[in-house]
């Protein structure tokens, strides 16, 4: 699956999101290093702190399926505004970044591309805990 198809999968995931409070719907698609793709969407909760972010849901599904190495993550919103993963999602993705993990952000009429390192420099990692 190429990058444009990955962004399309993220856009499809937007349609499955549950965002009755913010109405800001987000979808993500993560491609494993060996090819399979997993998607996720945001799932809001009235207290917000229990909400699930699209990137974390996609990552969790991939990890649950046994994957630990990833090539790219595509993120889209219902506004097609180039949304990037939030800080919490960046840190979650960094746990599995054996680099460089590419982040593709849907801008509607194009795609912005970053590495996770560009979005989250000087990452806190497991090396600090050993």
C-alpha atoms as a PDB file:
ATOM      1  CA  UNK A   1       0.000   0.000   0.000  1.00  0.00           C
ATOM      2  CA  UNK A   2       1.456   3.345  -1.017  1.00  0.00           C
ATOM      3  CA  UNK A   3       1.265   6.601   0.952  1.00  0.00           C
ATOM      4  CA  UNK A   4      -1.822   7.934  -0.865  1.00  0.00           C
ATOM      5  CA  UNK A   5      -3.726   4.732  -0.070  1.00  0.00           C
ATOM      6  CA  UNK A   6      -2.633   5.023   3.561  1.00  0.00           C
ATOM      7  CA  UNK A   7      -4.042   8.565   3.723  1.00  0.00           C
ATOM      8  CA  UNK A   8      -7.275   7.247   2.156  1.00  0.00           C
ATOM      9  CA  UNK A   9      -7.514   4.641   4.914  1.00  0.00           C
ATOM     10  CA  UNK A  10      -7.138   7.403   7.522  1.00  0.00           C
ATOM     11  CA  UNK A  11      -9.903   9.387   5.795  1.00  0.00           C
ATOM     12  CA  UNK A  12     -12.163   6.315   5.875  1.00  0.00           C
ATOM     13  CA  UNK A  13     -11.491   5.941   9.607  1.00  0.00           C
ATOM     14  CA  UNK A  14     -12.639   9.555  10.143  1.00  0.00           C
ATOM     15  CA  UNK A  15     -16.107   8.435   9.077  1.00  0.00           C
ATOM     16  CA  UNK A  16     -16.222   5.872  11.918  1.00  0.00           C
ATOM     17  CA  UNK A  17     -15.210   8.308  14.650  1.00  0.00           C
ATOM     18  CA  UNK A  18     -17.431   9.154  17.606  1.00  0.00           C
ATOM     19  CA  UNK A  19     -17.021  12.854  18.392  1.00  0.00           C
ATOM     20  CA  UNK A  20     -20.373  14.244  19.586  1.00  0.00           C
ATOM     21  CA  UNK A  21     -18.800  16.856  21.882  1.00  0.00           C
ATOM     22  CA  UNK A  22     -16.016  18.464  19.890  1.00  0.00           C
ATOM     23  CA  UNK A  23     -17.302  17.375  16.456  1.00  0.00           C
ATOM     24  CA  UNK A  24     -13.593  17.159  15.535  1.00  0.00           C
ATOM     25  CA  UNK A  25     -13.369  13.733  13.959  1.00  0.00           C
ATOM     26  CA  UNK A  26      -9.974  12.121  13.482  1.00  0.00           C
ATOM     27  CA  UNK A  27      -8.854   8.954  11.728  1.00  0.00           C
ATOM     28  CA  UNK A  28      -5.464   7.288  11.555  1.00  0.00           C
ATOM     29  CA  UNK A  29      -3.870   4.464   9.630  1.00  0.00           C
ATOM     30  CA  UNK A  30      -0.574   2.882  10.634  1.00  0.00           C
ATOM     31  CA  UNK A  31       1.444   0.752   8.228  1.00  0.00           C
ATOM     32  CA  UNK A  32       3.671  -1.929   9.707  1.00  0.00           C
ATOM     33  CA  UNK A  33       7.209  -2.439   8.425  1.00  0.00           C
ATOM     34  CA  UNK A  34       6.079  -5.688   6.768  1.00  0.00           C
ATOM     35  CA  UNK A  35       2.968  -4.187   5.141  1.00  0.00           C
ATOM     36  CA  UNK A  36      -0.300  -4.711   7.062  1.00  0.00           C
ATOM     37  CA  UNK A  37      -2.287  -1.564   7.888  1.00  0.00           C
ATOM     38  CA  UNK A  38      -4.377  -0.912  10.993  1.00  0.00           C
ATOM     39  CA  UNK A  39      -6.810   1.956  11.429  1.00  0.00           C
ATOM     40  CA  UNK A  40      -8.268   3.835  14.352  1.00  0.00           C
ATOM     41  CA  UNK A  41     -10.614   6.724  15.007  1.00  0.00           C
ATOM     42  CA  UNK A  42     -11.168   9.027  17.930  1.00  0.00           C
ATOM     43  CA  UNK A  43     -13.819   7.949  20.431  1.00  0.00           C
ATOM     44  CA  UNK A  44     -14.864  10.793  22.710  1.00  0.00           C
ATOM     45  CA  UNK A  45     -16.273  10.474  26.191  1.00  0.00           C
ATOM     46  CA  UNK A  46     -18.247  13.120  28.066  1.00  0.00           C
ATOM     47  CA  UNK A  47     -15.417  13.565  30.565  1.00  0.00           C
ATOM     48  CA  UNK A  48     -12.798  13.905  27.763  1.00  0.00           C
ATOM     49  CA  UNK A  49     -10.010  12.264  29.801  1.00  0.00           C
ATOM     50  CA  UNK A  50     -11.415   8.846  28.888  1.00  0.00           C
ATOM     51  CA  UNK A  51     -11.432   9.662  25.188  1.00  0.00           C
ATOM     52  CA  UNK A  52      -9.419   7.481  22.819  1.00  0.00           C
ATOM     53  CA  UNK A  53      -7.229   9.078  20.168  1.00  0.00           C
ATOM     54  CA  UNK A  54      -7.221   7.709  16.622  1.00  0.00           C
ATOM     55  CA  UNK A  55      -3.455   7.158  16.466  1.00  0.00           C
ATOM     56  CA  UNK A  56      -3.389   5.281  19.747  1.00  0.00           C
ATOM     57  CA  UNK A  57      -6.267   3.035  18.708  1.00  0.00           C
ATOM     58  CA  UNK A  58      -4.550   2.172  15.404  1.00  0.00           C
ATOM     59  CA  UNK A  59      -1.238   1.571  17.202  1.00  0.00           C
ATOM     60  CA  UNK A  60      -2.904  -0.578  19.868  1.00  0.00           C
ATOM     61  CA  UNK A  61      -4.631  -2.743  17.269  1.00  0.00           C
ATOM     62  CA  UNK A  62      -1.333  -3.279  15.444  1.00  0.00           C
ATOM     63  CA  UNK A  63       0.571  -4.098  18.638  1.00  0.00           C
ATOM     64  CA  UNK A  64      -2.204  -6.470  19.738  1.00  0.00           C
ATOM     65  CA  UNK A  65      -1.772  -8.259  16.394  1.00  0.00           C
ATOM     66  CA  UNK A  66       1.932  -8.741  17.167  1.00  0.00           C
ATOM     67  CA  UNK A  67       3.565  -5.879  15.269  1.00  0.00           C
ATOM     68  CA  UNK A  68       6.351  -3.791  16.776  1.00  0.00           C
ATOM     69  CA  UNK A  69       7.905  -2.053  13.781  1.00  0.00           C
ATOM     70  CA  UNK A  70       6.173   0.609  11.707  1.00  0.00           C
ATOM     71  CA  UNK A  71       6.860   2.491   8.493  1.00  0.00           C
ATOM     72  CA  UNK A  72       4.290   5.308   8.425  1.00  0.00           C
ATOM     73  CA  UNK A  73       1.232   6.763  10.108  1.00  0.00           C
ATOM     74  CA  UNK A  74      -1.382   8.780   8.233  1.00  0.00           C
ATOM     75  CA  UNK A  75      -3.670  11.168  10.119  1.00  0.00           C
ATOM     76  CA  UNK A  76      -6.796  12.894   8.800  1.00  0.00           C
ATOM     77  CA  UNK A  77      -9.613  14.946  10.268  1.00  0.00           C
ATOM     78  CA  UNK A  78     -13.068  15.879   9.072  1.00  0.00           C
ATOM     79  CA  UNK A  79     -11.661  19.387   8.456  1.00  0.00           C
ATOM     80  CA  UNK A  80      -8.745  18.175   6.291  1.00  0.00           C
ATOM     81  CA  UNK A  81      -6.586  20.704   8.124  1.00  0.00           C
ATOM     82  CA  UNK A  82      -3.225  18.947   8.268  1.00  0.00           C
ATOM     83  CA  UNK A  83      -3.708  17.762  11.844  1.00  0.00           C
ATOM     84  CA  UNK A  84      -0.632  16.179  13.405  1.00  0.00           C
ATOM     85  CA  UNK A  85      -0.650  13.675  16.280  1.00  0.00           C
ATOM     86  CA  UNK A  86      -0.942  15.316  19.709  1.00  0.00           C
ATOM     87  CA  UNK A  87       1.948  15.131  22.166  1.00  0.00           C
ATOM     88  CA  UNK A  88       0.568  12.072  23.940  1.00  0.00           C
ATOM     89  CA  UNK A  89       0.174  10.191  20.657  1.00  0.00           C
ATOM     90  CA  UNK A  90       3.653  11.253  19.542  1.00  0.00           C
ATOM     91  CA  UNK A  91       5.093   9.769  22.726  1.00  0.00           C
ATOM     92  CA  UNK A  92       3.111   6.538  22.233  1.00  0.00           C
ATOM     93  CA  UNK A  93       4.378   6.247  18.649  1.00  0.00           C
ATOM     94  CA  UNK A  94       7.946   6.963  19.796  1.00  0.00           C
ATOM     95  CA  UNK A  95       7.856   3.778  21.873  1.00  0.00           C
ATOM     96  CA  UNK A  96       7.932   1.852  18.588  1.00  0.00           C
ATOM     97  CA  UNK A  97       9.963   4.211  16.391  1.00  0.00           C
ATOM     98  CA  UNK A  98      12.971   2.271  15.196  1.00  0.00           C
ATOM     99  CA  UNK A  99      13.204   5.111  12.724  1.00  0.00           C
ATOM    100  CA  UNK A 100      12.502   7.033  10.925  1.00  0.00           C
ATOM    101  CA  UNK A 101       8.730   6.746  11.378  1.00  0.00           C
ATOM    102  CA  UNK A 102       7.002   8.974   8.830  1.00  0.00           C
ATOM    103  CA  UNK A 103       3.879  10.946   9.747  1.00  0.00           C
ATOM    104  CA  UNK A 104       1.563  11.838   6.838  1.00  0.00           C
ATOM    105  CA  UNK A 105      -0.936  14.617   7.571  1.00  0.00           C
ATOM    106  CA  UNK A 106      -3.969  15.135   5.333  1.00  0.00           C
ATOM    107  CA  UNK A 107      -4.244  18.762   4.223  1.00  0.00           C
ATOM    108  CA  UNK A 108      -7.175  18.153   1.891  1.00  0.00           C
ATOM    109  CA  UNK A 109      -5.442  19.234  -1.284  1.00  0.00           C
ATOM    110  CA  UNK A 110      -2.132  17.643  -0.327  1.00  0.00           C
ATOM    111  CA  UNK A 111      -0.233  15.779   2.341  1.00  0.00           C
ATOM    112  CA  UNK A 112       2.374  17.173   4.720  1.00  0.00           C
ATOM    113  CA  UNK A 113       5.087  14.667   5.602  1.00  0.00           C
ATOM    114  CA  UNK A 114       7.232  14.693   8.738  1.00  0.00           C
ATOM    115  CA  UNK A 115       9.365  12.250  10.626  1.00  0.00           C
ATOM    116  CA  UNK A 116       8.338  11.571  14.194  1.00  0.00           C
ATOM    117  CA  UNK A 117      11.710  12.975  15.254  1.00  0.00           C
ATOM    118  CA  UNK A 118      10.843  16.304  13.636  1.00  0.00           C
ATOM    119  CA  UNK A 119       7.562  16.449  15.559  1.00  0.00           C
ATOM    120  CA  UNK A 120       9.010  15.162  18.837  1.00  0.00           C
ATOM    121  CA  UNK A 121      12.731  15.909  19.179  1.00  0.00           C
ATOM    122  CA  UNK A 122      14.688  14.665  22.183  1.00  0.00           C
ATOM    123  CA  UNK A 123      12.120  11.961  22.906  1.00  0.00           C
ATOM    124  CA  UNK A 124      11.876  10.372  26.331  1.00  0.00           C
ATOM    125  CA  UNK A 125      12.555   6.678  25.744  1.00  0.00           C
ATOM    126  CA  UNK A 126      13.002   3.405  27.534  1.00  0.00           C
ATOM    127  CA  UNK A 127      16.769   3.959  27.545  1.00  0.00           C
ATOM    128  CA  UNK A 128      16.232   6.373  30.446  1.00  0.00           C
ATOM    129  CA  UNK A 129      14.637   3.598  32.466  1.00  0.00           C
ATOM    130  CA  UNK A 130      17.407   1.019  32.087  1.00  0.00           C
END
